Amino acid sequence: MDDLMLPLPGLSPVGGKSVVARFDGGCLSSDAGVLVLREIEQRLGVAERLAGCIDDPRAQAQVVHGLAGMIRFRMLMIASDYEDGNDATAMRSDPAFKLAQDVLPSGPDLASQPTLFTP
C-alpha cells in the first residue's frame, strides 16, 4: 500500500492536544523520529532517573530548563545524529524536538547550547 496519507498512531498527547504524524504536511521537520524515541524514553524514564542522580545546585525557583528536560533533549539529539552539542541552538526551536519535550511548537524554545553545557 502506497498511501502517504496514513497517520502514525499511538503518540502521546502534548499540552492536552493529540499528536498525529502524517506524511503529507510538507517540510515541517526532518526529525519526526524523535516522537517515537520520546515514547520509548517516557516508558523507560531514563532522563528522570539520570536527573535523580545529579545534584542540581541552581536556585530552583529560577530554573527554566530542568535537568531531566535537558538530559532528554541531549539524548534525543544524539539519537538523531546531532552528536555535537552546538546543534542545540539550531534544534531548540524545531517543532518535532519541542513536541518530544512536551512543548507545543508555538511554545517556548528548548535549552540552548550554553544552557546545556554550563556547569
C-alpha atoms as a PDB file:
ATOM      1  CA  MET A   1       0.000   0.000   0.000  1.00  0.00           C
ATOM      2  CA  ASP A   2       1.465   3.359  -1.020  1.00  0.00           C
ATOM      3  CA  ASP A   3      -0.997   5.658   0.775  1.00  0.00           C
ATOM      4  CA  LEU A   4       1.069   8.630   2.003  1.00  0.00           C
ATOM      5  CA  MET A   5      -1.941   9.906   3.952  1.00  0.00           C
ATOM      6  CA  LEU A   6      -1.866   7.162   6.601  1.00  0.00           C
ATOM      7  CA  PRO A   7      -1.198   8.593  10.085  1.00  0.00           C
ATOM      8  CA  LEU A   8       1.309   7.179  12.577  1.00  0.00           C
ATOM      9  CA  PRO A   9      -0.889   6.260  15.585  1.00  0.00           C
ATOM     10  CA  GLY A  10      -0.029   5.839  19.241  1.00  0.00           C
ATOM     11  CA  LEU A  11       1.789   9.083  20.040  1.00  0.00           C
ATOM     12  CA  SER A  12       1.181  10.622  23.463  1.00  0.00           C
ATOM     13  CA  PRO A  13      -0.631  13.979  23.647  1.00  0.00           C
ATOM     14  CA  VAL A  14       1.285  17.213  24.301  1.00  0.00           C
ATOM     15  CA  GLY A  15      -0.292  20.097  26.167  1.00  0.00           C
ATOM     16  CA  GLY A  16      -3.678  18.341  26.094  1.00  0.00           C
ATOM     17  CA  LYS A  17      -3.593  18.125  22.300  1.00  0.00           C
ATOM     18  CA  SER A  18      -3.304  14.942  20.281  1.00  0.00           C
ATOM     19  CA  VAL A  19      -0.171  14.392  18.209  1.00  0.00           C
ATOM     20  CA  VAL A  20      -0.673  12.926  14.743  1.00  0.00           C
ATOM     21  CA  ALA A  21       2.274  12.202  12.470  1.00  0.00           C
ATOM     22  CA  ARG A  22       1.360  12.259   8.803  1.00  0.00           C
ATOM     23  CA  PHE A  23       3.456  12.265   5.699  1.00  0.00           C
ATOM     24  CA  ASP A  24       1.625  14.890   3.669  1.00  0.00           C
ATOM     25  CA  GLY A  25       2.352  18.090   5.630  1.00  0.00           C
ATOM     26  CA  GLY A  26       5.310  19.433   3.749  1.00  0.00           C
ATOM     27  CA  CYS A  27       8.714  20.086   5.249  1.00  0.00           C
ATOM     28  CA  LEU A  28       7.889  20.853   8.883  1.00  0.00           C
ATOM     29  CA  SER A  29      10.718  18.857  10.442  1.00  0.00           C
ATOM     30  CA  SER A  30      13.088  16.242   9.160  1.00  0.00           C
ATOM     31  CA  ASP A  31      13.359  14.713  12.639  1.00  0.00           C
ATOM     32  CA  ALA A  32       9.884  13.312  13.359  1.00  0.00           C
ATOM     33  CA  GLY A  33      11.542  10.083  14.502  1.00  0.00           C
ATOM     34  CA  VAL A  34      12.217  11.802  17.833  1.00  0.00           C
ATOM     35  CA  LEU A  35       8.490  11.414  18.575  1.00  0.00           C
ATOM     36  CA  VAL A  36       8.878   7.636  18.513  1.00  0.00           C
ATOM     37  CA  LEU A  37      12.038   7.890  20.632  1.00  0.00           C
ATOM     38  CA  ARG A  38      10.085  10.097  23.055  1.00  0.00           C
ATOM     39  CA  GLU A  39       7.552   7.322  23.588  1.00  0.00           C
ATOM     40  CA  ILE A  40      10.333   4.850  24.407  1.00  0.00           C
ATOM     41  CA  GLU A  41      12.086   7.299  26.734  1.00  0.00           C
ATOM     42  CA  GLN A  42       8.825   8.074  28.546  1.00  0.00           C
ATOM     43  CA  ARG A  43       8.166   4.397  29.189  1.00  0.00           C
ATOM     44  CA  LEU A  44      11.710   3.768  30.423  1.00  0.00           C
ATOM     45  CA  GLY A  45      12.061   7.051  32.328  1.00  0.00           C
ATOM     46  CA  VAL A  46      15.776   7.285  31.568  1.00  0.00           C
ATOM     47  CA  ALA A  47      16.031  11.092  31.725  1.00  0.00           C
ATOM     48  CA  GLU A  48      14.179  11.304  35.049  1.00  0.00           C
ATOM     49  CA  ARG A  49      16.327   8.553  36.577  1.00  0.00           C
ATOM     50  CA  LEU A  50      19.557  10.159  35.401  1.00  0.00           C
ATOM     51  CA  ALA A  51      18.439  13.568  36.654  1.00  0.00           C
ATOM     52  CA  GLY A  52      17.752  11.989  40.047  1.00  0.00           C
ATOM     53  CA  CYS A  53      21.422  11.029  40.269  1.00  0.00           C
ATOM     54  CA  ILE A  54      22.713  14.568  39.704  1.00  0.00           C
ATOM     55  CA  ASP A  55      22.746  17.284  42.345  1.00  0.00           C
ATOM     56  CA  ASP A  56      21.311  20.486  40.858  1.00  0.00           C
ATOM     57  CA  PRO A  57      22.750  23.471  42.781  1.00  0.00           C
ATOM     58  CA  ARG A  58      20.710  26.032  40.810  1.00  0.00           C
ATOM     59  CA  ALA A  59      18.039  28.144  42.512  1.00  0.00           C
ATOM     60  CA  GLN A  60      15.027  26.012  41.547  1.00  0.00           C
ATOM     61  CA  ALA A  61      12.639  28.986  41.565  1.00  0.00           C
ATOM     62  CA  GLN A  62      14.643  30.494  38.700  1.00  0.00           C
ATOM     63  CA  VAL A  63      15.165  27.321  36.662  1.00  0.00           C
ATOM     64  CA  VAL A  64      13.635  27.435  33.183  1.00  0.00           C
ATOM     65  CA  HIS A  65      15.001  24.126  31.867  1.00  0.00           C
ATOM     66  CA  GLY A  66      15.059  21.278  34.384  1.00  0.00           C
ATOM     67  CA  LEU A  67      17.772  18.634  34.426  1.00  0.00           C
ATOM     68  CA  ALA A  68      15.502  15.859  33.140  1.00  0.00           C
ATOM     69  CA  GLY A  69      14.403  18.007  30.200  1.00  0.00           C
ATOM     70  CA  MET A  70      17.975  18.947  29.318  1.00  0.00           C
ATOM     71  CA  ILE A  71      19.108  15.314  29.563  1.00  0.00           C
ATOM     72  CA  ARG A  72      16.162  14.182  27.425  1.00  0.00           C
ATOM     73  CA  PHE A  73      16.867  16.863  24.801  1.00  0.00           C
ATOM     74  CA  ARG A  74      20.537  15.862  24.643  1.00  0.00           C
ATOM     75  CA  MET A  75      19.702  12.143  24.380  1.00  0.00           C
ATOM     76  CA  LEU A  76      17.237  12.791  21.568  1.00  0.00           C
ATOM     77  CA  MET A  77      19.773  14.953  19.746  1.00  0.00           C
ATOM     78  CA  ILE A  78      22.445  12.244  19.974  1.00  0.00           C
ATOM     79  CA  ALA A  79      19.985   9.562  18.840  1.00  0.00           C
ATOM     80  CA  SER A  80      19.078  11.791  15.876  1.00  0.00           C
ATOM     81  CA  ASP A  81      22.741  12.092  14.845  1.00  0.00           C
ATOM     82  CA  TYR A  82      23.261  15.573  16.291  1.00  0.00           C
ATOM     83  CA  GLU A  83      26.176  14.486  18.448  1.00  0.00           C
ATOM     84  CA  ASP A  84      27.750  17.948  18.501  1.00  0.00           C
ATOM     85  CA  GLY A  85      26.249  19.954  21.361  1.00  0.00           C
ATOM     86  CA  ASN A  86      26.463  23.111  19.240  1.00  0.00           C
ATOM     87  CA  ASP A  87      23.463  21.794  17.299  1.00  0.00           C
ATOM     88  CA  ALA A  88      21.217  22.519  20.299  1.00  0.00           C
ATOM     89  CA  THR A  89      20.994  26.174  19.353  1.00  0.00           C
ATOM     90  CA  ALA A  90      19.591  25.263  15.931  1.00  0.00           C
ATOM     91  CA  MET A  91      17.383  22.395  17.173  1.00  0.00           C
ATOM     92  CA  ARG A  92      15.849  24.212  20.154  1.00  0.00           C
ATOM     93  CA  SER A  93      13.042  25.646  18.016  1.00  0.00           C
ATOM     94  CA  ASP A  94      12.431  22.533  15.872  1.00  0.00           C
ATOM     95  CA  PRO A  95       8.737  21.528  16.169  1.00  0.00           C
ATOM     96  CA  ALA A  96       9.456  17.788  16.469  1.00  0.00           C
ATOM     97  CA  PHE A  97      12.033  18.260  19.222  1.00  0.00           C
ATOM     98  CA  LYS A  98       9.645  20.578  21.063  1.00  0.00           C
ATOM     99  CA  LEU A  99       6.844  18.011  20.880  1.00  0.00           C
ATOM    100  CA  ALA A 100       9.264  15.352  22.116  1.00  0.00           C
ATOM    101  CA  GLN A 101       9.893  17.568  25.150  1.00  0.00           C
ATOM    102  CA  ASP A 102       6.155  18.013  25.818  1.00  0.00           C
ATOM    103  CA  VAL A 103       6.225  21.587  24.485  1.00  0.00           C
ATOM    104  CA  LEU A 104       3.843  22.772  21.788  1.00  0.00           C
ATOM    105  CA  PRO A 105       5.557  24.041  18.598  1.00  0.00           C
ATOM    106  CA  SER A 106       4.278  27.540  19.399  1.00  0.00           C
ATOM    107  CA  GLY A 107       5.651  27.286  22.954  1.00  0.00           C
ATOM    108  CA  PRO A 108       8.977  28.471  24.335  1.00  0.00           C
ATOM    109  CA  ASP A 109      12.222  27.248  22.804  1.00  0.00           C
ATOM    110  CA  LEU A 110      14.176  24.413  24.396  1.00  0.00           C
ATOM    111  CA  ALA A 111      17.531  24.799  26.131  1.00  0.00           C
ATOM    112  CA  SER A 112      20.306  26.361  24.079  1.00  0.00           C
ATOM    113  CA  GLN A 113      23.867  25.080  23.771  1.00  0.00           C
ATOM    114  CA  PRO A 114      25.242  27.335  26.540  1.00  0.00           C
ATOM    115  CA  THR A 115      22.450  26.227  28.898  1.00  0.00           C
ATOM    116  CA  LEU A 116      23.120  22.540  28.239  1.00  0.00           C
ATOM    117  CA  PHE A 117      26.842  22.846  28.920  1.00  0.00           C
ATOM    118  CA  THR A 118      27.048  25.370  31.750  1.00  0.00           C
ATOM    119  CA  PRO A 119      28.280  23.669  34.926  1.00  0.00           C
END
